[in-house]
C-alpha atoms as a PDB file:
ATOM      1  CA  MET A   1      76.689  48.456 205.607  1.00  0.00           C
ATOM      2  CA  ALA A   2      78.944  46.071 207.474  1.00  0.00           C
ATOM      3  CA  ALA A   3      78.519  45.585 211.193  1.00  0.00           C
ATOM      4  CA  GLN A   4      81.144  47.378 213.268  1.00  0.00           C
ATOM      5  CA  THR A   5      83.013  45.642 216.084  1.00  0.00           C
ATOM      6  CA  PRO A   6      85.561  47.273 218.424  1.00  0.00           C
ATOM      7  CA  PHE A   7      89.232  47.603 217.434  1.00  0.00           C
ATOM      8  CA  GLY A   8      88.623  46.153 213.975  1.00  0.00           C
ATOM      9  CA  GLN A   9      87.863  42.673 215.291  1.00  0.00           C
ATOM     10  CA  ARG A  10      86.569  40.162 212.760  1.00  0.00           C
ATOM     11  CA  LEU A  11      82.978  39.100 213.269  1.00  0.00           C
ATOM     12  CA  GLY A  12      82.088  35.433 212.867  1.00  0.00           C
ATOM     13  CA  LEU A  13      78.789  33.846 211.902  1.00  0.00           C
ATOM     14  CA  VAL A  14      78.145  30.169 212.695  1.00  0.00           C
ATOM     15  CA  LEU A  15      75.184  28.467 211.016  1.00  0.00           C
ATOM     16  CA  GLU A  16      73.879  25.098 212.222  1.00  0.00           C
ATOM     17  CA  GLY A  17      72.215  22.713 209.774  1.00  0.00           C
ATOM     18  CA  GLY A  18      69.076  20.651 210.197  1.00  0.00           C
ATOM     19  CA  ALA A  19      67.756  19.841 206.700  1.00  0.00           C
ATOM     20  CA  ILE A  20      64.497  21.717 206.060  1.00  0.00           C
ATOM     21  CA  ARG A  21      64.411  22.882 209.673  1.00  0.00           C
ATOM     22  CA  GLY A  22      67.284  25.104 208.549  1.00  0.00           C
ATOM     23  CA  ILE A  23      64.882  27.424 206.711  1.00  0.00           C
ATOM     24  CA  TYR A  24      64.749  29.128 210.125  1.00  0.00           C
ATOM     25  CA  THR A  25      68.310  30.256 209.414  1.00  0.00           C
ATOM     26  CA  ALA A  26      67.235  31.731 206.079  1.00  0.00           C
ATOM     27  CA  GLY A  27      64.751  33.925 207.930  1.00  0.00           C
ATOM     28  CA  VAL A  28      67.405  35.071 210.379  1.00  0.00           C
ATOM     29  CA  LEU A  29      69.868  35.839 207.581  1.00  0.00           C
ATOM     30  CA  ASP A  30      67.322  37.894 205.643  1.00  0.00           C
ATOM     31  CA  VAL A  31      66.823  40.102 208.697  1.00  0.00           C
ATOM     32  CA  LEU A  32      70.585  40.436 209.204  1.00  0.00           C
ATOM     33  CA  MET A  33      70.847  41.626 205.601  1.00  0.00           C
ATOM     34  CA  GLU A  34      68.011  44.115 206.088  1.00  0.00           C
ATOM     35  CA  HIS A  35      69.894  45.627 209.034  1.00  0.00           C
ATOM     36  CA  GLY A  36      73.293  45.672 207.361  1.00  0.00           C
ATOM     37  CA  VAL A  37      74.870  43.091 209.670  1.00  0.00           C
ATOM     38  CA  GLN A  38      77.708  41.596 207.638  1.00  0.00           C
ATOM     39  CA  ALA A  39      80.033  39.018 209.104  1.00  0.00           C
ATOM     40  CA  ASP A  40      83.684  38.758 208.097  1.00  0.00           C
ATOM     41  CA  VAL A  41      83.768  34.962 208.394  1.00  0.00           C
ATOM     42  CA  VAL A  42      80.868  32.555 207.861  1.00  0.00           C
ATOM     43  CA  VAL A  43      81.070  28.860 208.751  1.00  0.00           C
ATOM     44  CA  GLY A  44      78.033  26.881 207.654  1.00  0.00           C
ATOM     45  CA  VAL A  45      77.007  23.305 208.317  1.00  0.00           C
ATOM     46  CA  SER A  46      74.747  21.441 205.875  1.00  0.00           C
ATOM     47  CA  ALA A  47      71.612  23.586 205.376  1.00  0.00           C
ATOM     48  CA  GLY A  48      73.438  26.386 207.175  1.00  0.00           C
ATOM     49  CA  ALA A  49      75.999  26.488 204.357  1.00  0.00           C
ATOM     50  CA  ILE A  50      73.281  26.295 201.702  1.00  0.00           C
ATOM     51  CA  HIS A  51      71.452  29.317 203.089  1.00  0.00           C
ATOM     52  CA  GLY A  52      74.650  31.055 204.139  1.00  0.00           C
ATOM     53  CA  CYS A  53      75.991  31.339 200.611  1.00  0.00           C
ATOM     54  CA  SER A  54      72.954  33.432 199.578  1.00  0.00           C
ATOM     55  CA  TYR A  55      73.674  35.679 202.562  1.00  0.00           C
ATOM     56  CA  VAL A  56      77.242  36.185 201.343  1.00  0.00           C
ATOM     57  CA  SER A  57      76.060  36.924 197.792  1.00  0.00           C
ATOM     58  CA  GLY A  58      73.497  39.395 199.179  1.00  0.00           C
ATOM     59  CA  GLN A  59      70.487  37.600 197.675  1.00  0.00           C
ATOM     60  CA  HIS A  60      67.800  38.541 200.158  1.00  0.00           C
ATOM     61  CA  GLY A  61      64.811  36.171 200.142  1.00  0.00           C
ATOM     62  CA  ARG A  62      66.333  33.693 197.695  1.00  0.00           C
ATOM     63  CA  SER A  63      66.150  30.628 199.960  1.00  0.00           C
ATOM     64  CA  ILE A  64      62.493  30.904 200.882  1.00  0.00           C
ATOM     65  CA  ARG A  65      61.598  31.925 197.332  1.00  0.00           C
ATOM     66  CA  TYR A  66      62.890  28.740 195.739  1.00  0.00           C
ATOM     67  CA  TYR A  67      61.529  26.605 198.573  1.00  0.00           C
ATOM     68  CA  ARG A  68      58.072  28.018 197.946  1.00  0.00           C
ATOM     69  CA  LYS A  69      58.350  27.433 194.228  1.00  0.00           C
ATOM     70  CA  TYR A  70      60.092  24.072 194.048  1.00  0.00           C
ATOM     71  CA  ARG A  71      59.750  22.175 197.345  1.00  0.00           C
ATOM     72  CA  ARG A  72      57.003  19.953 195.922  1.00  0.00           C
ATOM     73  CA  ASP A  73      58.948  19.211 192.741  1.00  0.00           C
ATOM     74  CA  ARG A  74      59.842  15.511 192.896  1.00  0.00           C
ATOM     75  CA  HIS A  75      63.360  16.277 191.687  1.00  0.00           C
ATOM     76  CA  PHE A  76      64.041  18.650 194.589  1.00  0.00           C
ATOM     77  CA  MET A  77      64.010  16.348 197.589  1.00  0.00           C
ATOM     78  CA  GLY A  78      62.308  13.128 198.604  1.00  0.00           C
ATOM     79  CA  LEU A  79      61.748   9.458 197.851  1.00  0.00           C
ATOM     80  CA  TYR A  80      61.633   9.846 194.060  1.00  0.00           C
ATOM     81  CA  SER A  81      65.065  11.440 194.016  1.00  0.00           C
ATOM     82  CA  LEU A  82      66.426   8.818 196.414  1.00  0.00           C
ATOM     83  CA  LEU A  83      65.156   5.902 194.322  1.00  0.00           C
ATOM     84  CA  THR A  84      66.229   7.320 190.976  1.00  0.00           C
ATOM     85  CA  THR A  85      69.558   8.920 191.858  1.00  0.00           C
ATOM     86  CA  GLY A  86      70.679   7.511 195.212  1.00  0.00           C
ATOM     87  CA  ASP A  87      70.432  10.968 196.809  1.00  0.00           C
ATOM     88  CA  ILE A  88      67.385  12.087 198.773  1.00  0.00           C
ATOM     89  CA  VAL A  89      68.275  15.651 197.738  1.00  0.00           C
ATOM     90  CA  GLY A  90      68.386  15.886 193.957  1.00  0.00           C
ATOM     91  CA  ALA A  91      72.012  16.718 193.179  1.00  0.00           C
ATOM     92  CA  ARG A  92      71.455  17.896 189.615  1.00  0.00           C
ATOM     93  CA  PHE A  93      68.282  19.816 190.424  1.00  0.00           C
ATOM     94  CA  CYS A  94      69.562  21.542 193.578  1.00  0.00           C
ATOM     95  CA  TYR A  95      73.215  22.092 192.708  1.00  0.00           C
ATOM     96  CA  GLU A  96      73.008  22.734 188.957  1.00  0.00           C
ATOM     97  CA  ASP A  97      69.492  23.562 187.725  1.00  0.00           C
ATOM     98  CA  LEU A  98      68.608  25.854 190.629  1.00  0.00           C
ATOM     99  CA  PRO A  99      71.789  27.955 190.868  1.00  0.00           C
ATOM    100  CA  LEU A 100      72.359  28.175 187.114  1.00  0.00           C
ATOM    101  CA  ARG A 101      68.863  28.485 185.665  1.00  0.00           C
ATOM    102  CA  LEU A 102      65.799  28.284 187.905  1.00  0.00           C
ATOM    103  CA  ASP A 103      66.864  30.802 190.586  1.00  0.00           C
ATOM    104  CA  PRO A 104      70.363  31.911 189.589  1.00  0.00           C
ATOM    105  CA  PHE A 105      72.983  32.212 192.274  1.00  0.00           C
ATOM    106  CA  ASP A 106      74.945  35.467 192.005  1.00  0.00           C
ATOM    107  CA  GLU A 107      78.411  33.971 191.665  1.00  0.00           C
ATOM    108  CA  GLU A 108      79.996  37.314 190.823  1.00  0.00           C
ATOM    109  CA  ALA A 109      78.653  38.957 193.993  1.00  0.00           C
ATOM    110  CA  PHE A 110      79.683  35.951 196.087  1.00  0.00           C
ATOM    111  CA  GLU A 111      83.266  36.068 194.835  1.00  0.00           C
ATOM    112  CA  ALA A 112      83.451  39.842 195.307  1.00  0.00           C
ATOM    113  CA  ALA A 113      82.079  39.807 198.867  1.00  0.00           C
ATOM    114  CA  PRO A 114      84.617  40.666 201.618  1.00  0.00           C
ATOM    115  CA  VAL A 115      83.688  37.501 203.496  1.00  0.00           C
ATOM    116  CA  ASP A 116      85.560  34.252 204.120  1.00  0.00           C
ATOM    117  CA  PHE A 117      82.992  31.485 203.627  1.00  0.00           C
ATOM    118  CA  TYR A 118      83.666  27.991 204.948  1.00  0.00           C
ATOM    119  CA  ALA A 119      81.592  24.856 204.445  1.00  0.00           C
ATOM    120  CA  THR A 120      81.883  22.106 207.048  1.00  0.00           C
ATOM    121  CA  VAL A 121      82.226  18.512 205.840  1.00  0.00           C
ATOM    122  CA  THR A 122      82.965  15.177 207.528  1.00  0.00           C
ATOM    123  CA  ASN A 123      85.800  13.074 206.135  1.00  0.00           C
ATOM    124  CA  LEU A 124      84.705   9.431 205.961  1.00  0.00           C
ATOM    125  CA  GLU A 125      88.208   8.051 206.371  1.00  0.00           C
ATOM    126  CA  THR A 126      89.194  10.129 209.415  1.00  0.00           C
ATOM    127  CA  GLY A 127      85.760  10.775 210.924  1.00  0.00           C
ATOM    128  CA  ARG A 128      86.842  14.370 211.467  1.00  0.00           C
ATOM    129  CA  ALA A 129      85.343  17.665 210.428  1.00  0.00           C
ATOM    130  CA  GLU A 130      87.064  19.741 207.775  1.00  0.00           C
ATOM    131  CA  TYR A 131      86.314  23.396 207.118  1.00  0.00           C
ATOM    132  CA  ILE A 132      86.855  24.164 203.458  1.00  0.00           C
ATOM    133  CA  LEU A 133      87.233  27.742 202.292  1.00  0.00           C
ATOM    134  CA  CYS A 134      84.876  28.343 199.381  1.00  0.00           C
ATOM    135  CA  ASP A 135      86.122  31.297 197.367  1.00  0.00           C
ATOM    136  CA  GLU A 136      83.813  30.298 194.515  1.00  0.00           C
ATOM    137  CA  LEU A 137      80.743  28.085 194.206  1.00  0.00           C
ATOM    138  CA  ARG A 138      80.657  27.024 190.591  1.00  0.00           C
ATOM    139  CA  PRO A 139      78.852  23.753 189.787  1.00  0.00           C
ATOM    140  CA  GLY A 140      81.387  21.001 189.367  1.00  0.00           C
ATOM    141  CA  SER A 141      83.895  22.883 191.496  1.00  0.00           C
ATOM    142  CA  LYS A 142      83.437  24.029 195.097  1.00  0.00           C
ATOM    143  CA  MET A 143      79.665  23.761 194.812  1.00  0.00           C
ATOM    144  CA  ASP A 144      80.471  20.077 195.347  1.00  0.00           C
ATOM    145  CA  VAL A 145      81.835  20.992 198.790  1.00  0.00           C
ATOM    146  CA  ILE A 146      78.436  22.455 199.718  1.00  0.00           C
ATOM    147  CA  ARG A 147      76.780  19.317 198.357  1.00  0.00           C
ATOM    148  CA  ALA A 148      79.115  17.069 200.350  1.00  0.00           C
ATOM    149  CA  GLY A 149      78.477  18.966 203.566  1.00  0.00           C
ATOM    150  CA  ALA A 150      74.720  18.617 203.113  1.00  0.00           C
ATOM    151  CA  SER A 151      74.708  14.940 202.073  1.00  0.00           C
ATOM    152  CA  MET A 152      72.952  13.113 204.903  1.00  0.00           C
ATOM    153  CA  PRO A 153      74.243   9.645 205.843  1.00  0.00           C
ATOM    154  CA  LEU A 154      72.247   6.602 204.727  1.00  0.00           C
ATOM    155  CA  CYS A 155      70.200   8.567 202.188  1.00  0.00           C
ATOM    156  CA  SER A 156      72.981  10.181 200.151  1.00  0.00           C
ATOM    157  CA  ARG A 157      75.884   8.987 198.086  1.00  0.00           C
ATOM    158  CA  THR A 158      79.308   9.912 199.371  1.00  0.00           C
ATOM    159  CA  VAL A 159      80.905  12.856 197.587  1.00  0.00           C
ATOM    160  CA  ARG A 160      84.466  12.673 196.341  1.00  0.00           C
ATOM    161  CA  TRP A 161      86.262  16.001 196.292  1.00  0.00           C
ATOM    162  CA  ASN A 162      89.957  16.782 196.016  1.00  0.00           C
ATOM    163  CA  GLY A 163      90.876  13.160 196.701  1.00  0.00           C
ATOM    164  CA  GLY A 164      88.715  12.731 199.805  1.00  0.00           C
ATOM    165  CA  LEU A 165      85.344  11.163 200.554  1.00  0.00           C
ATOM    166  CA  TYR A 166      82.867  13.346 202.410  1.00  0.00           C
ATOM    167  CA  LEU A 167      79.386  13.495 203.896  1.00  0.00           C
ATOM    168  CA  ASP A 168      77.311  15.749 206.153  1.00  0.00           C
ATOM    169  CA  GLY A 169      79.460  18.144 208.155  1.00  0.00           C
ATOM    170  CA  GLY A 170      77.077  17.850 211.086  1.00  0.00           C
ATOM    171  CA  VAL A 171      78.235  14.315 211.801  1.00  0.00           C
ATOM    172  CA  ALA A 172      81.573  15.522 213.183  1.00  0.00           C
ATOM    173  CA  ASP A 173      80.811  19.153 214.033  1.00  0.00           C
ATOM    174  CA  SER A 174      77.240  20.440 214.068  1.00  0.00           C
ATOM    175  CA  ILE A 175      78.040  23.803 215.690  1.00  0.00           C
ATOM    176  CA  PRO A 176      81.598  24.858 214.785  1.00  0.00           C
ATOM    177  CA  TYR A 177      81.776  27.809 217.155  1.00  0.00           C
ATOM    178  CA  ALA A 178      85.114  26.627 218.572  1.00  0.00           C
ATOM    179  CA  ARG A 179      86.614  26.925 215.083  1.00  0.00           C
ATOM    180  CA  MET A 180      86.025  30.684 214.954  1.00  0.00           C
ATOM    181  CA  ALA A 181      88.852  31.704 217.293  1.00  0.00           C
ATOM    182  CA  GLY A 182      91.349  30.086 214.949  1.00  0.00           C
ATOM    183  CA  LEU A 183      89.839  32.087 212.090  1.00  0.00           C
ATOM    184  CA  GLY A 184      90.467  35.356 213.907  1.00  0.00           C
ATOM    185  CA  CYS A 185      86.954  35.941 215.233  1.00  0.00           C
ATOM    186  CA  PRO A 186      86.816  36.646 218.985  1.00  0.00           C
ATOM    187  CA  LYS A 187      83.072  37.329 218.691  1.00  0.00           C
ATOM    188  CA  SER A 188      80.542  35.327 216.707  1.00  0.00           C
ATOM    189  CA  ILE A 189      76.830  35.275 216.037  1.00  0.00           C
ATOM    190  CA  VAL A 190      75.617  31.681 216.338  1.00  0.00           C
ATOM    191  CA  VAL A 191      72.354  30.617 214.710  1.00  0.00           C
ATOM    192  CA  LEU A 192      70.917  27.327 215.976  1.00  0.00           C
ATOM    193  CA  THR A 193      67.875  25.563 214.568  1.00  0.00           C
ATOM    194  CA  GLN A 194      66.703  23.813 217.743  1.00  0.00           C
ATOM    195  CA  PRO A 195      65.036  25.655 220.652  1.00  0.00           C
ATOM    196  CA  ALA A 196      66.499  26.002 224.132  1.00  0.00           C
ATOM    197  CA  GLY A 197      66.414  22.771 226.110  1.00  0.00           C
ATOM    198  CA  TYR A 198      66.825  20.466 223.122  1.00  0.00           C
ATOM    199  CA  LEU A 199      69.195  17.548 223.666  1.00  0.00           C
ATOM    200  CA  LYS A 200      70.229  15.178 220.893  1.00  0.00           C
ATOM    201  CA  ARG A 201      69.663  11.528 221.707  1.00  0.00           C
ATOM    202  CA  PRO A 202      71.884   8.602 220.712  1.00  0.00           C
ATOM    203  CA  ALA A 203      71.193   7.205 217.255  1.00  0.00           C
ATOM    204  CA  SER A 204      70.552   3.542 216.532  1.00  0.00           C
ATOM    205  CA  MET A 205      73.946   2.538 215.240  1.00  0.00           C
ATOM    206  CA  ALA A 206      73.197  -0.708 213.372  1.00  0.00           C
ATOM    207  CA  PRO A 207      72.368   0.908 210.004  1.00  0.00           C
ATOM    208  CA  PHE A 208      75.454   3.148 210.116  1.00  0.00           C
ATOM    209  CA  ALA A 209      77.757   0.326 211.201  1.00  0.00           C
ATOM    210  CA  ALA A 210      76.513  -1.804 208.295  1.00  0.00           C
ATOM    211  CA  ARG A 211      76.537   0.900 205.609  1.00  0.00           C
ATOM    212  CA  TYR A 212      79.898   2.436 206.558  1.00  0.00           C
ATOM    213  CA  ARG A 213      81.742  -0.628 207.864  1.00  0.00           C
ATOM    214  CA  LYS A 214      84.764   0.294 205.733  1.00  0.00           C
ATOM    215  CA  TYR A 215      85.004   3.623 207.576  1.00  0.00           C
ATOM    216  CA  PRO A 216      85.176   2.849 211.317  1.00  0.00           C
ATOM    217  CA  ALA A 217      86.252   6.401 212.207  1.00  0.00           C
ATOM    218  CA  PHE A 218      83.113   7.743 210.563  1.00  0.00           C
ATOM    219  CA  VAL A 219      80.948   5.207 212.417  1.00  0.00           C
ATOM    220  CA  GLU A 220      82.592   6.284 215.677  1.00  0.00           C
ATOM    221  CA  ALA A 221      81.838   9.935 214.861  1.00  0.00           C
ATOM    222  CA  MET A 222      78.186   8.977 214.353  1.00  0.00           C
ATOM    223  CA  ARG A 223      78.179   7.092 217.654  1.00  0.00           C
ATOM    224  CA  ARG A 224      79.496  10.144 219.511  1.00  0.00           C
ATOM    225  CA  ARG A 225      77.404  12.683 217.629  1.00  0.00           C
ATOM    226  CA  ASP A 226      74.844  13.241 220.390  1.00  0.00           C
ATOM    227  CA  GLN A 227      77.556  13.753 223.035  1.00  0.00           C
ATOM    228  CA  VAL A 228      79.503  16.196 220.856  1.00  0.00           C
ATOM    229  CA  TYR A 229      76.376  18.107 219.874  1.00  0.00           C
ATOM    230  CA  ASN A 230      75.106  18.518 223.412  1.00  0.00           C
ATOM    231  CA  ALA A 231      78.541  19.635 224.611  1.00  0.00           C
ATOM    232  CA  GLU A 232      78.710  22.192 221.795  1.00  0.00           C
ATOM    233  CA  VAL A 233      75.310  23.634 222.721  1.00  0.00           C
ATOM    234  CA  CYS A 234      76.500  23.991 226.317  1.00  0.00           C
ATOM    235  CA  ALA A 235      79.717  25.709 225.181  1.00  0.00           C
ATOM    236  CA  VAL A 236      77.815  28.181 222.990  1.00  0.00           C
ATOM    237  CA  GLU A 237      75.409  28.993 225.815  1.00  0.00           C
ATOM    238  CA  GLN A 238      78.362  29.659 228.119  1.00  0.00           C
ATOM    239  CA  ALA A 239      80.023  31.847 225.481  1.00  0.00           C
ATOM    240  CA  ALA A 240      76.794  33.805 225.050  1.00  0.00           C
ATOM    241  CA  ALA A 241      76.552  34.325 228.806  1.00  0.00           C
ATOM    242  CA  ALA A 242      80.139  35.615 228.805  1.00  0.00           C
ATOM    243  CA  GLY A 243      79.433  38.006 225.934  1.00  0.00           C
ATOM    244  CA  ASP A 244      81.710  36.261 223.423  1.00  0.00           C
ATOM    245  CA  ALA A 245      78.860  34.877 221.323  1.00  0.00           C
ATOM    246  CA  PHE A 246      75.423  36.138 220.387  1.00  0.00           C
ATOM    247  CA  LEU A 247      72.942  33.292 220.207  1.00  0.00           C
ATOM    248  CA  ILE A 248      69.833  33.234 218.015  1.00  0.00           C
ATOM    249  CA  ARG A 249      67.652  30.118 218.098  1.00  0.00           C
ATOM    250  CA  PRO A 250      63.967  29.231 217.729  1.00  0.00           C
ATOM    251  CA  SER A 251      61.799  30.760 220.428  1.00  0.00           C
ATOM    252  CA  ARG A 252      59.368  27.866 220.036  1.00  0.00           C
ATOM    253  CA  ASN A 253      59.312  24.415 218.455  1.00  0.00           C
ATOM    254  CA  ILE A 254      57.278  24.201 215.255  1.00  0.00           C
ATOM    255  CA  HIS A 255      58.162  20.501 214.738  1.00  0.00           C
ATOM    256  CA  VAL A 256      59.501  20.716 211.199  1.00  0.00           C
ATOM    257  CA  GLY A 257      60.291  17.332 209.675  1.00  0.00           C
ATOM    258  CA  ARG A 258      63.729  16.866 208.142  1.00  0.00           C
ATOM    259  CA  MET A 259      62.012  16.239 204.783  1.00  0.00           C
ATOM    260  CA  GLU A 260      59.008  18.497 205.465  1.00  0.00           C
ATOM    261  CA  ARG A 261      56.685  19.048 202.467  1.00  0.00           C
ATOM    262  CA  ASP A 262      53.948  21.152 204.067  1.00  0.00           C
ATOM    263  CA  MET A 263      54.643  24.700 202.900  1.00  0.00           C
ATOM    264  CA  GLU A 264      52.574  26.163 205.741  1.00  0.00           C
ATOM    265  CA  VAL A 265      54.982  24.554 208.196  1.00  0.00           C
ATOM    266  CA  ILE A 266      58.029  25.640 206.180  1.00  0.00           C
ATOM    267  CA  ASN A 267      56.743  29.210 205.905  1.00  0.00           C
ATOM    268  CA  ALA A 268      56.037  29.259 209.647  1.00  0.00           C
ATOM    269  CA  GLN A 269      59.618  28.178 210.384  1.00  0.00           C
ATOM    270  CA  TYR A 270      61.018  30.865 208.092  1.00  0.00           C
ATOM    271  CA  GLU A 271      58.811  33.551 209.628  1.00  0.00           C
ATOM    272  CA  LEU A 272      59.851  32.419 213.105  1.00  0.00           C
ATOM    273  CA  GLY A 273      63.470  33.026 212.112  1.00  0.00           C
ATOM    274  CA  ARG A 274      62.550  36.496 210.912  1.00  0.00           C
ATOM    275  CA  ARG A 275      60.640  37.345 214.090  1.00  0.00           C
ATOM    276  CA  ASP A 276      63.330  36.018 216.418  1.00  0.00           C
ATOM    277  CA  ALA A 277      66.056  37.924 214.581  1.00  0.00           C
ATOM    278  CA  ALA A 278      64.039  41.145 214.511  1.00  0.00           C
ATOM    279  CA  ALA A 279      63.313  40.855 218.241  1.00  0.00           C
ATOM    280  CA  ALA A 280      67.016  40.269 218.948  1.00  0.00           C
ATOM    281  CA  MET A 281      68.258  43.127 216.757  1.00  0.00           C
ATOM    282  CA  PRO A 282      68.429  45.873 219.434  1.00  0.00           C
ATOM    283  CA  ARG A 283      70.440  43.579 221.716  1.00  0.00           C
ATOM    284  CA  LEU A 284      72.587  42.402 218.795  1.00  0.00           C
ATOM    285  CA  LYS A 285      73.506  45.943 217.760  1.00  0.00           C
ATOM    286  CA  HIS A 286      74.438  46.780 221.334  1.00  0.00           C
ATOM    287  CA  TRP A 287      76.535  43.604 221.579  1.00  0.00           C
ATOM    288  CA  LEU A 288      78.350  44.465 218.345  1.00  0.00           C
ATOM    289  CA  GLU A 289      79.361  47.815 219.799  1.00  0.00           C
ATOM    290  CA  GLU A 290      80.669  46.453 223.095  1.00  0.00           C
END
């Protein structure tokens, strides 16, 4: 059952990234599915796009299921993958073996869903965010867009797609709420993966300036990332106060590492997403009807 908004308005869903911290989003999305809350437009960033595609395909519990089963596999994510492939997240394992064989992604359901799904990527040459409509997610095709948007700087190879070079969408736009108005969504649910009060701090720029010296616009985007992120959080909070956005974010800080391996910590983050979404559901349903 799709969520109903007044006057046929399109409902947006914005999903922040955060590497493994993003399993919080998977918990939130599972609860949204349980309550029949279906967005018309989904814009995901990094891990937000990875978990968001299972929401669109209606595969409840898929994200946490394969994390529980494969997180400790050396091909999934970590130093072994980085040293042997150049990507800290195993590209073949995560974007081919998992969706095709180990925990199949329902491509048919994804393509049939009445949802516009966008993955956010950062263009190395322009330093700007791009929001690419993914009408399919077949390995070797637009699954590469998801991979590009989740490829963290310094520990991932750049991804070439459709003539461009791309990396993590969160570099240029971590919380693309402002994009939703242009996609016809006056109201959006926004799922963040950091608790209230979190402020991003400036990054040490020397490694980025050295690694990406051929892409000064990308380096500049990295330099400004903390300022842009903090301004976006403020804008979303203001939109939520005005009733234009509905904000769901962690009610406490579990301190999940970006490459977290402890499944107790990962499970706790997922369950926190479930609890926060369930607690917000009465207010969310009222907001959807306003």
